[in-house]
Every structure is written in structure tokens, then in C-alpha cells.
Amino acid sequence: MKKFKSIEDVWHFLEQLPMFSKVGASASNFGIENIRSFCSTIGNPQKQIKTIHIAGTNGKGTVTLLLEAIYRENGYTTGAFTSPHLLKYNERVKISGKDISDDKLLEFFQTFEIQLKKIPLTYFELSTALAFWAFADAQVDIAIIEAGLGGRLDSTNIIIPECTVITSIGLDHQAILGSTKNEIAVEKSGIIKKGIPLILGNIEGLELQEIVKIAHQKHSEIIYSSNYNATFNKGEVYLKFSGKPIQTNFIEPINASNIATVKSIIDALDSKFPVDDELFRKVIETFPGVPARFEKLLADRDWYFTGAHNADAITSLMNAMNRFHDCKINFILSFMKDKISLGTMHPFKGFENLYFYEQQQGRAAKLMDISTFLNVKPIKESSFKRILQEMKLEVVIFAGSFYFYPIVKRWMTHFH
């Protein structure tokens, strides 16, 4: 009897799988044997596509989506695999800039029902296999693959890409990837392949030395995006060698480094996937930004959401605060419990108007967890409308876990 008769059956199946957002590391399988076996049984779609593999603590989602938009604008059929999804599962797999359709999703589950029974996959492994199949099925010219956690044992790490990319190294998921930046650098470096060019983003110090050592062992050419000496000033990005500054919609200065990384990838692959310089500039200038990365929530209000869920992302958020130096700023925070520490909370201490929303899921931080470090006022489902209405003319920054994003988007429907 067929298990997947409709898309509702697919949603039900996915909901039964352990998700990292709910249970953390126990939802993950740190090894690539299962995904390799499964992909082998469905025809190894990952071998039928040309890919770019992107790892890093922060910045990889922005680099992935910027790169996809540039290649698409230049006439290539593109694929993009990102995670986590923010509002709907389909967001993880994009073909030519559009989320995978429910029909295509259902086709995957119906076609490979037997294989799914034989080889149990985690939520992320299944998403990865789906992406490879969808990109091969659509015969994309280039697919940009964002790694999930780490790199070495990540289920995306069964591809032989055109180039590998490490955007940044920071402290995140230490329980899984290692307690130091050096250990995390080694895990991320696991995506480096023999003889395949490596593009490095915003990385320095001992972590850079560690990655360079591994790249040399693999005989991989290293391309440093820092050669572009990227600078950021009020949304304007200047890249050395690239003429006049590029006016962008970005708010966080770190995006200068992300743009330099994108340009370095394009340079590295120029002989295979040439890109017009003017189209590169046009896409960067018109790019609206990445959802949930300092996203403006309402046209008529200075209200933003940003997924600042680790120390480096919070530093990036604080670097953007200069833009609002004459304004009253309200922070509405919501974190997972494992992200709460003196280091991550300390930057918020200088702000008076701090609120906290307690999510109703297992990994979510409680009010008492954050109150140890910050003097926050609770904001609840019953009070958000009244509290936010009073902040209408002020700057409001919703920050923390990406799992807070759907809640905030739902709240925004009350203010349109």
C-alpha cells in the first residue's frame, strides 16, 4: 500500500522525524555513510550536477543566495540548497530562484518510497538527497550547496564541487563541532577536496593557519577574498579593483566580506561560468537582502528581524547599531537555551529596552535562563500587540533564534 498519496502524507512523514530545532544534536547523524548509500540507490544524482560547496559559521546563507541570484541573472539554470527553512519546508530547495513545488516534493517521496523504507535518513539527510535529486532532475547548470553543521561529516559532503568555500569560523554548536575555533576550523575544512580551489571569507589568526595547512595537504589552490580589501559605509560596499563603490540594501558591515567572497568565487570559476561585471553589480545593488538577516519587516516602520544566534552574529548586529545612533532602540529577544551565555548576552547590556519572548518548544530558553544575564521584560502572546503598538515610531529589533522568525512574521500581520 502506497504511503505517500498526497502532500499531507509528506508533511506528516517529515513531522515524525527528529528535527534539530526541537531536540538538537540527537536529530543529526554525523557521518555520510547513510546519505551516500541512499543516493547510490537512487542513481547518484549528486554526480550529475556541477556544484559549489559552502561552509562557515556565519555568512554562508547570504553567500549562497547572492551567488544563486548572480548566476541566474547571467542566464544559468541554478539550484540552491539552504537550511533551516524559515516558514515552509520547500524553501530549502530552490530551482532558478523558486522554491520546490509541492508536486515535485510528492514525486520524490512517491518515486523513492521503497528506498526511504530501507535506508532510514535524518531530516537533514533527507532534505539533502531531495535537493540533489531535484537539481539533477531539473538539469541545473550550477547548484550552490550550503553545508548544514560543520562540513567533514555533513550529509552534503558527498559532492565533488567546482570549488569549496569557508565563509567564517566562530563558536557555535561547540557540543558537536568542538570547543575551540581551531577544532571547528578542522571540521569545516572537511569539505576541502583534493585539487579543488578553496575560497576563504572572513577568517584570520590560528583558524586561518589551520585551514591553510589542510588545504596545502589536499593540494588545493587558496583564494583569499580579503584580497578585495572590502569596506562598508552606510550600505555602500567598496571592493579593490572593482571601480566605483556598490550601493546595497545591506545594513550589517559584515556583508562587505560576504560580497568579496561571492566575487572571489565568481573569479575562480570564470572560465567555466563567466559572469558579466555589470550584471554582477546590478544584482548586488538590487538584492533585497536575505530573509531573517536584518530583514525590514514593515515598509512604514523601522522594525527588523535578524537571526543573531551566536557570538559572531551578535557582534555583527552590534556593528550595525551605528545606523540607529539617534534613535530609541528596543530589542525583542528569543533564544534557544544552548545559546545563552555570558559571552552572547553581554553585548545587550548597554541597551535599556530589552524584552524577551519565551518559545514553547523543548530547546527554547526560559525567562529565568536569560534573566541571569540581562534585565529583560517578558513579552507574551497576550501582550505583544499592545507593547509593539507603543513602539510604532521607534526602532524595534527582533533578534535571536531563526525559530523565532515565523512567530514574528505572524505578529506582523496585525500591523499591516
Protein backbone atom coordinates (compact mmCIF):
# COMPACT_ATOMS: atom_id res chain seq x y z
CA MET A 1 0.00 0.00 0.00
CA LYS A 2 1.33 3.39 -1.03
CA LYS A 3 2.32 5.59 1.90
CA PHE A 4 2.54 8.93 0.07
CA LYS A 5 -0.79 9.62 -1.62
CA SER A 6 -0.80 13.38 -1.10
CA ILE A 7 1.47 16.21 0.07
CA GLU A 8 -0.19 15.95 3.50
CA ASP A 9 1.34 12.47 3.80
CA VAL A 10 4.76 14.00 3.11
CA TRP A 11 4.28 16.68 5.79
CA HIS A 12 3.16 14.03 8.26
CA PHE A 13 6.20 11.87 7.49
CA LEU A 14 8.59 14.81 7.91
CA GLU A 15 6.99 15.84 11.20
CA GLN A 16 7.67 12.38 12.63
CA LEU A 17 11.41 12.71 12.01
CA PRO A 18 13.52 14.18 14.83
CA MET A 19 14.34 17.81 13.98
CA PHE A 20 17.44 19.70 15.14
CA SER A 21 15.24 22.68 16.03
CA LYS A 22 13.36 20.57 18.59
CA VAL A 23 15.85 18.08 20.01
CA GLY A 24 19.30 19.33 18.98
CA ALA A 25 22.22 17.05 18.12
CA SER A 26 20.28 13.81 18.63
CA ALA A 27 18.37 14.63 15.42
CA SER A 28 21.60 14.54 13.42
CA ASN A 29 23.68 11.72 12.03
CA PHE A 30 27.30 12.80 11.91
CA GLY A 31 28.54 10.52 9.19
CA ILE A 32 27.99 10.27 5.46
CA GLU A 33 27.51 6.51 5.02
CA ASN A 34 23.69 6.59 5.05
CA ILE A 35 23.32 9.51 2.66
CA ARG A 36 25.93 8.01 0.34
CA SER A 37 24.12 4.64 0.35
CA PHE A 38 20.74 6.25 -0.23
CA CYS A 39 21.96 8.43 -3.09
CA SER A 40 23.61 5.38 -4.64
CA THR A 41 20.26 3.55 -4.68
CA ILE A 42 18.53 6.49 -6.42
CA GLY A 43 21.15 6.89 -9.14
CA ASN A 44 23.71 9.23 -7.50
CA PRO A 45 22.08 12.49 -8.60
CA GLN A 46 24.86 14.47 -6.87
CA LYS A 47 27.27 13.17 -9.54
CA GLN A 48 25.07 14.50 -12.34
CA ILE A 49 25.34 18.18 -11.34
CA LYS A 50 28.05 20.81 -11.05
CA THR A 51 28.15 22.28 -7.55
CA ILE A 52 29.70 24.89 -5.29
CA HIS A 53 30.03 23.79 -1.64
CA ILE A 54 29.74 26.48 1.06
CA ALA A 55 30.51 26.01 4.77
CA GLY A 56 31.08 28.51 7.57
CA THR A 57 29.70 29.59 10.92
CA ASN A 58 28.03 32.76 9.61
CA GLY A 59 27.54 34.24 6.15
CA LYS A 60 27.05 31.01 4.20
CA GLY A 61 23.31 31.58 3.61
CA THR A 62 23.90 35.11 2.32
CA VAL A 63 26.76 33.98 0.06
CA THR A 64 24.64 31.08 -1.27
CA LEU A 65 21.63 33.22 -2.17
CA LEU A 66 23.68 36.10 -3.59
CA LEU A 67 25.66 33.71 -5.77
CA GLU A 68 22.48 31.97 -6.96
CA ALA A 69 20.91 35.32 -7.93
CA ILE A 70 24.02 36.40 -9.86
CA TYR A 71 24.32 33.16 -11.84
CA ARG A 72 20.58 33.17 -12.56
CA GLU A 73 20.71 36.78 -13.81
CA ASN A 74 23.56 35.71 -16.11
CA GLY A 75 21.36 33.11 -17.78
CA TYR A 76 22.33 29.93 -15.92
CA THR A 77 19.76 27.46 -14.60
CA THR A 78 20.50 27.41 -10.89
CA GLY A 79 19.89 25.31 -7.81
CA ALA A 80 20.28 26.46 -4.20
CA PHE A 81 20.10 24.29 -1.10
CA THR A 82 19.87 26.12 2.25
CA SER A 83 18.78 25.39 5.81
CA PRO A 84 16.98 25.74 8.07
CA HIS A 85 13.74 26.78 6.41
CA LEU A 86 12.03 29.77 7.98
CA LEU A 87 8.35 29.44 7.09
CA LYS A 88 7.95 26.43 4.79
CA TYR A 89 10.00 23.29 4.10
CA ASN A 90 10.01 23.99 0.33
CA GLU A 91 12.35 26.98 0.89
CA ARG A 92 15.30 24.61 1.39
CA VAL A 93 15.40 23.64 -2.30
CA LYS A 94 15.26 26.39 -4.93
CA ILE A 95 15.44 25.95 -8.68
CA SER A 96 16.01 29.13 -10.70
CA GLY A 97 15.12 31.14 -7.61
CA LYS A 98 11.78 29.42 -6.94
CA ASP A 99 11.00 27.08 -4.02
CA ILE A 100 10.46 23.45 -4.99
CA SER A 101 6.77 22.79 -5.64
CA ASP A 102 4.57 20.51 -3.54
CA ASP A 103 4.04 18.37 -6.65
CA LYS A 104 7.77 17.85 -7.13
CA LEU A 105 8.19 17.06 -3.44
CA LEU A 106 5.43 14.47 -3.61
CA GLU A 107 7.02 12.96 -6.73
CA PHE A 108 10.30 12.41 -4.87
CA PHE A 109 8.61 10.63 -1.96
CA GLN A 110 6.41 8.51 -4.24
CA THR A 111 9.31 7.56 -6.53
CA PHE A 112 11.66 6.52 -3.72
CA GLU A 113 9.24 5.15 -1.14
CA ILE A 114 10.95 1.73 -1.07
CA GLN A 115 14.43 3.24 -0.68
CA LEU A 116 13.20 5.51 2.13
CA LYS A 117 11.96 2.43 3.99
CA LYS A 118 15.23 0.54 3.53
CA ILE A 119 17.67 3.31 4.49
CA PRO A 120 16.47 5.49 7.37
CA LEU A 121 17.56 9.10 6.88
CA THR A 122 17.55 12.03 9.27
CA TYR A 123 15.53 15.15 8.47
CA PHE A 124 18.59 16.92 7.09
CA GLU A 125 19.89 13.89 5.16
CA LEU A 126 16.51 13.51 3.51
CA SER A 127 16.45 17.21 2.59
CA THR A 128 19.95 16.90 1.10
CA ALA A 129 19.02 13.86 -1.02
CA LEU A 130 15.86 15.63 -2.19
CA ALA A 131 17.93 18.65 -3.27
CA PHE A 132 20.43 16.56 -5.23
CA TRP A 133 17.60 14.70 -6.99
CA ALA A 134 15.64 17.88 -7.77
CA PHE A 135 18.71 19.63 -9.19
CA ALA A 136 19.66 16.64 -11.36
CA ASP A 137 16.03 16.30 -12.50
CA ALA A 138 15.94 19.98 -13.50
CA GLN A 139 19.36 19.66 -15.17
CA VAL A 140 20.64 22.79 -13.47
CA ASP A 141 23.85 24.33 -14.79
CA ILE A 142 25.17 25.04 -11.29
CA ALA A 143 23.89 24.20 -7.79
CA ILE A 144 25.06 26.08 -4.72
CA ILE A 145 25.04 23.74 -1.72
CA GLU A 146 25.10 25.18 1.79
CA ALA A 147 26.51 22.77 4.38
CA GLY A 148 24.43 22.19 7.50
CA LEU A 149 26.58 21.67 10.60
CA GLY A 150 30.33 21.60 10.23
CA GLY A 151 31.43 20.10 6.95
CA ARG A 152 33.52 16.94 7.36
CA LEU A 153 30.62 14.72 8.46
CA ASP A 154 27.85 16.84 6.96
CA SER A 155 25.49 14.98 4.65
CA THR A 156 26.20 17.49 1.87
CA ASN A 157 29.84 16.34 1.86
CA ILE A 158 29.40 13.60 -0.76
CA ILE A 159 29.81 16.02 -3.67
CA ILE A 160 32.93 16.80 -5.67
CA PRO A 161 32.33 20.51 -6.27
CA GLU A 162 33.83 23.02 -8.69
CA CYS A 163 35.12 24.90 -5.64
CA THR A 164 34.74 24.86 -1.87
CA VAL A 165 34.10 27.93 0.29
CA ILE A 166 34.52 28.65 4.02
CA THR A 167 32.91 31.98 4.88
CA SER A 168 33.84 32.36 8.57
CA ILE A 169 34.80 30.47 11.71
CA GLY A 170 33.07 31.23 15.00
CA LEU A 171 31.94 29.50 18.16
CA ASP A 172 28.65 27.72 17.51
CA HIS A 173 27.44 24.14 18.05
CA GLN A 174 30.52 23.50 20.22
CA ALA A 175 28.99 20.34 21.70
CA ILE A 176 29.09 18.85 18.20
CA LEU A 177 31.92 20.55 16.32
CA GLY A 178 34.50 21.19 19.06
CA SER A 179 35.01 23.58 21.94
CA THR A 180 37.57 25.85 20.24
CA LYS A 181 37.61 27.80 16.97
CA ASN A 182 40.56 25.67 15.90
CA GLU A 183 38.59 22.45 16.31
CA ILE A 184 35.65 23.99 14.47
CA ALA A 185 38.00 25.10 11.66
CA VAL A 186 39.15 21.49 11.24
CA GLU A 187 35.53 20.30 10.97
CA LYS A 188 34.63 22.98 8.41
CA SER A 189 37.81 22.18 6.46
CA GLY A 190 36.45 18.69 5.94
CA ILE A 191 34.76 19.97 2.77
CA ILE A 192 38.13 20.76 1.13
CA LYS A 193 38.74 18.34 -1.76
CA LYS A 194 41.99 17.30 -3.41
CA GLY A 195 42.94 19.73 -6.18
CA ILE A 196 39.69 21.72 -5.89
CA PRO A 197 40.05 25.50 -5.34
CA LEU A 198 39.18 26.84 -1.88
CA ILE A 199 37.78 30.36 -1.36
CA LEU A 200 38.20 31.83 2.11
CA GLY A 201 35.99 34.52 3.60
CA ASN A 202 36.34 36.48 6.84
CA ILE A 203 38.90 34.24 8.61
CA GLU A 204 42.13 35.10 10.39
CA GLY A 205 44.53 34.01 13.13
CA LEU A 206 45.09 30.41 14.18
CA GLU A 207 41.88 29.24 12.46
CA LEU A 208 43.22 30.55 9.14
CA GLN A 209 46.56 28.79 9.71
CA GLU A 210 44.71 25.51 10.42
CA ILE A 211 42.63 25.74 7.24
CA VAL A 212 45.64 26.72 5.10
CA LYS A 213 47.61 23.71 6.42
CA ILE A 214 44.76 21.33 5.46
CA ALA A 215 44.34 22.96 2.04
CA HIS A 216 48.06 22.53 1.33
CA GLN A 217 47.83 18.85 2.28
CA LYS A 218 45.00 18.49 -0.26
CA HIS A 219 46.92 20.46 -2.94
CA SER A 220 44.04 22.94 -3.14
CA GLU A 221 44.64 26.40 -4.51
CA ILE A 222 43.60 29.00 -1.89
CA ILE A 223 41.83 32.20 -2.97
CA TYR A 224 41.59 34.89 -0.29
CA SER A 225 38.56 37.15 -0.51
CA SER A 226 40.49 39.55 1.75
CA ASN A 227 42.49 40.49 -1.40
CA TYR A 228 39.49 42.65 -2.30
CA ASN A 229 40.04 44.70 0.87
CA ALA A 230 36.25 45.13 1.15
CA THR A 231 34.91 48.10 3.12
CA PHE A 232 31.38 49.07 4.16
CA ASN A 233 29.98 52.55 4.73
CA LYS A 234 26.22 53.19 5.16
CA GLY A 235 25.26 50.42 2.77
CA GLU A 236 27.99 51.23 0.25
CA VAL A 237 30.50 48.46 -0.43
CA TYR A 238 33.88 49.14 -1.97
CA LEU A 239 35.92 46.30 -3.48
CA LYS A 240 39.51 46.91 -4.54
CA PHE A 241 39.96 46.51 -8.34
CA SER A 242 36.19 46.90 -8.91
CA GLY A 243 35.84 50.60 -9.71
CA LYS A 244 33.23 52.72 -8.00
CA PRO A 245 31.52 51.57 -4.76
CA ILE A 246 28.39 49.38 -4.96
CA GLN A 247 25.27 50.78 -3.30
CA THR A 248 23.50 47.91 -1.48
CA ASN A 249 20.43 47.32 0.70
CA PHE A 250 22.56 45.68 3.41
CA ILE A 251 22.70 47.09 6.96
CA GLU A 252 25.37 44.89 8.57
CA PRO A 253 29.02 45.75 7.70
CA ILE A 254 29.95 42.02 7.56
CA ASN A 255 28.20 41.87 4.18
CA ALA A 256 31.18 43.65 2.59
CA SER A 257 33.15 40.47 3.34
CA ASN A 258 30.28 38.29 2.03
CA ILE A 259 30.23 40.24 -1.25
CA ALA A 260 34.03 39.91 -1.56
CA THR A 261 33.65 36.16 -1.04
CA VAL A 262 30.99 35.97 -3.77
CA LYS A 263 33.22 37.93 -6.17
CA SER A 264 36.15 35.62 -5.38
CA ILE A 265 34.02 32.53 -6.17
CA ILE A 266 32.92 34.07 -9.48
CA ASP A 267 36.56 34.89 -10.34
CA ALA A 268 37.67 31.33 -9.52
CA LEU A 269 35.04 29.80 -11.82
CA ASP A 270 35.20 32.43 -14.56
CA SER A 271 36.45 30.02 -17.23
CA LYS A 272 33.51 27.64 -16.62
CA PHE A 273 30.75 30.05 -15.60
CA PRO A 274 31.57 33.53 -16.88
CA VAL A 275 29.67 36.42 -15.29
CA ASP A 276 29.19 39.89 -16.76
CA ASP A 277 30.66 42.58 -14.47
CA GLU A 278 27.73 44.94 -14.95
CA LEU A 279 25.22 42.19 -14.15
CA PHE A 280 27.23 41.30 -11.03
CA ARG A 281 26.96 44.93 -9.89
CA LYS A 282 23.26 45.17 -10.81
CA VAL A 283 22.32 42.05 -8.79
CA ILE A 284 24.27 43.24 -5.73
CA GLU A 285 22.64 46.69 -5.94
CA THR A 286 19.09 45.37 -6.31
CA PHE A 287 19.40 42.35 -3.99
CA PRO A 288 16.72 42.85 -1.33
CA GLY A 289 18.68 41.01 1.34
CA VAL A 290 18.30 37.55 2.84
CA PRO A 291 15.13 36.71 4.78
CA ALA A 292 15.70 36.91 8.56
CA ARG A 293 19.11 38.57 8.19
CA PHE A 294 18.36 42.14 9.22
CA GLU A 295 15.14 41.94 7.25
CA LYS A 296 12.92 45.06 7.32
CA LEU A 297 9.54 43.75 8.44
CA LEU A 298 7.19 46.62 7.56
CA ALA A 299 7.61 49.32 4.93
CA ASP A 300 6.45 52.16 7.19
CA ARG A 301 8.34 51.22 10.38
CA ASP A 302 11.95 50.71 11.43
CA TRP A 303 11.26 47.19 12.60
CA TYR A 304 13.76 44.43 11.71
CA PHE A 305 14.36 40.74 12.29
CA THR A 306 17.86 39.31 12.41
CA GLY A 307 18.94 35.76 13.25
CA ALA A 308 21.66 36.72 15.73
CA HIS A 309 22.03 33.35 17.42
CA ASN A 310 25.77 33.09 18.13
CA ALA A 311 28.57 35.38 19.32
CA ASP A 312 29.79 36.47 15.86
CA ALA A 313 26.26 37.12 14.59
CA ILE A 314 25.54 39.22 17.70
CA THR A 315 28.78 41.18 17.13
CA SER A 316 27.65 41.80 13.55
CA LEU A 317 24.28 43.02 14.86
CA MET A 318 26.00 45.42 17.27
CA ASN A 319 28.22 46.75 14.45
CA ALA A 320 25.04 47.72 12.61
CA MET A 321 23.71 49.76 15.53
CA ASN A 322 25.62 52.87 14.41
CA ARG A 323 22.94 53.30 11.79
CA PHE A 324 20.39 53.97 14.56
CA HIS A 325 22.56 56.02 16.94
CA ASP A 326 20.00 58.87 17.25
CA CYS A 327 17.00 56.57 17.79
CA LYS A 328 15.36 54.78 20.67
CA ILE A 329 16.14 51.09 20.15
CA ASN A 330 14.02 48.23 21.50
CA PHE A 331 15.36 44.67 21.41
CA ILE A 332 12.91 41.77 21.49
CA LEU A 333 14.97 38.64 22.04
CA SER A 334 14.23 34.93 21.83
CA PHE A 335 16.91 32.25 22.01
CA MET A 336 17.46 28.54 22.28
CA LYS A 337 18.74 27.52 25.72
CA ASP A 338 22.15 26.37 24.45
CA LYS A 339 22.86 29.85 23.02
CA ILE A 340 22.54 31.67 26.35
CA SER A 341 25.92 32.53 27.88
CA LEU A 342 27.76 35.49 29.37
CA GLY A 343 29.58 35.98 26.05
CA THR A 344 26.45 36.08 23.88
CA MET A 345 24.34 38.14 26.28
CA HIS A 346 26.96 40.72 27.31
CA PRO A 347 26.66 42.95 24.18
CA PHE A 348 22.99 43.64 25.00
CA LYS A 349 23.84 45.03 28.46
CA GLY A 350 24.34 48.55 27.11
CA PHE A 351 20.70 48.82 26.00
CA GLU A 352 17.81 49.81 28.25
CA ASN A 353 14.80 48.49 26.38
CA LEU A 354 15.14 44.72 26.39
CA TYR A 355 12.23 42.31 26.04
CA PHE A 356 12.18 38.53 25.94
CA TYR A 357 9.77 36.09 24.30
CA GLU A 358 9.70 32.52 25.60
CA GLN A 359 9.11 30.00 22.79
CA GLN A 360 7.09 26.89 23.54
CA GLN A 361 9.48 24.14 22.47
CA GLY A 362 11.96 21.85 24.19
CA ARG A 363 15.22 23.64 23.32
CA ALA A 364 13.89 27.15 23.92
CA ALA A 365 15.37 29.36 26.65
CA LYS A 366 13.10 30.32 29.52
CA LEU A 367 12.81 33.75 31.09
CA MET A 368 14.84 32.59 34.09
CA ASP A 369 17.70 31.45 31.78
CA ILE A 370 18.18 34.89 30.27
CA SER A 371 17.37 36.84 33.47
CA THR A 372 20.64 35.54 34.95
CA PHE A 373 22.48 37.80 32.47
CA LEU A 374 20.06 40.54 31.41
CA ASN A 375 17.32 42.66 32.88
CA VAL A 376 14.53 41.80 30.41
CA LYS A 377 10.78 42.38 30.40
CA PRO A 378 8.64 39.45 29.24
CA ILE A 379 6.56 39.82 26.10
CA LYS A 380 3.76 37.29 25.67
CA GLU A 381 1.20 36.27 23.07
CA SER A 382 -1.41 38.16 25.06
CA SER A 383 0.62 41.38 25.23
CA PHE A 384 2.69 41.66 22.03
CA LYS A 385 0.12 43.75 20.13
CA ARG A 386 -0.20 46.42 22.82
CA ILE A 387 3.55 46.59 23.52
CA LEU A 388 4.52 46.82 19.85
CA GLN A 389 1.86 49.42 19.11
CA GLU A 390 3.53 51.68 21.68
CA MET A 391 6.84 51.28 19.76
CA LYS A 392 5.36 52.33 16.41
CA LEU A 393 7.74 55.27 15.86
CA GLU A 394 10.78 53.60 17.43
CA VAL A 395 13.40 51.14 16.19
CA VAL A 396 12.46 47.54 17.05
CA ILE A 397 14.95 44.73 16.50
CA PHE A 398 13.71 41.17 16.90
CA ALA A 399 16.83 39.06 17.36
CA GLY A 400 17.95 35.58 18.32
CA SER A 401 16.87 32.19 17.08
CA PHE A 402 15.71 31.67 13.50
CA TYR A 403 12.87 29.67 15.06
CA PHE A 404 11.54 32.99 16.40
CA TYR A 405 11.10 34.25 12.82
CA PRO A 406 7.73 32.57 11.97
CA ILE A 407 6.29 33.91 15.23
CA VAL A 408 7.41 37.46 14.43
CA LYS A 409 6.09 37.22 10.85
CA ARG A 410 2.73 36.15 12.25
CA TRP A 411 2.75 39.11 14.65
CA MET A 412 3.43 41.47 11.73
CA THR A 413 0.10 40.55 10.08
CA HIS A 414 -1.57 42.56 12.91
CA PHE A 415 0.19 45.78 11.83
CA HIS A 416 -0.29 45.87 8.07
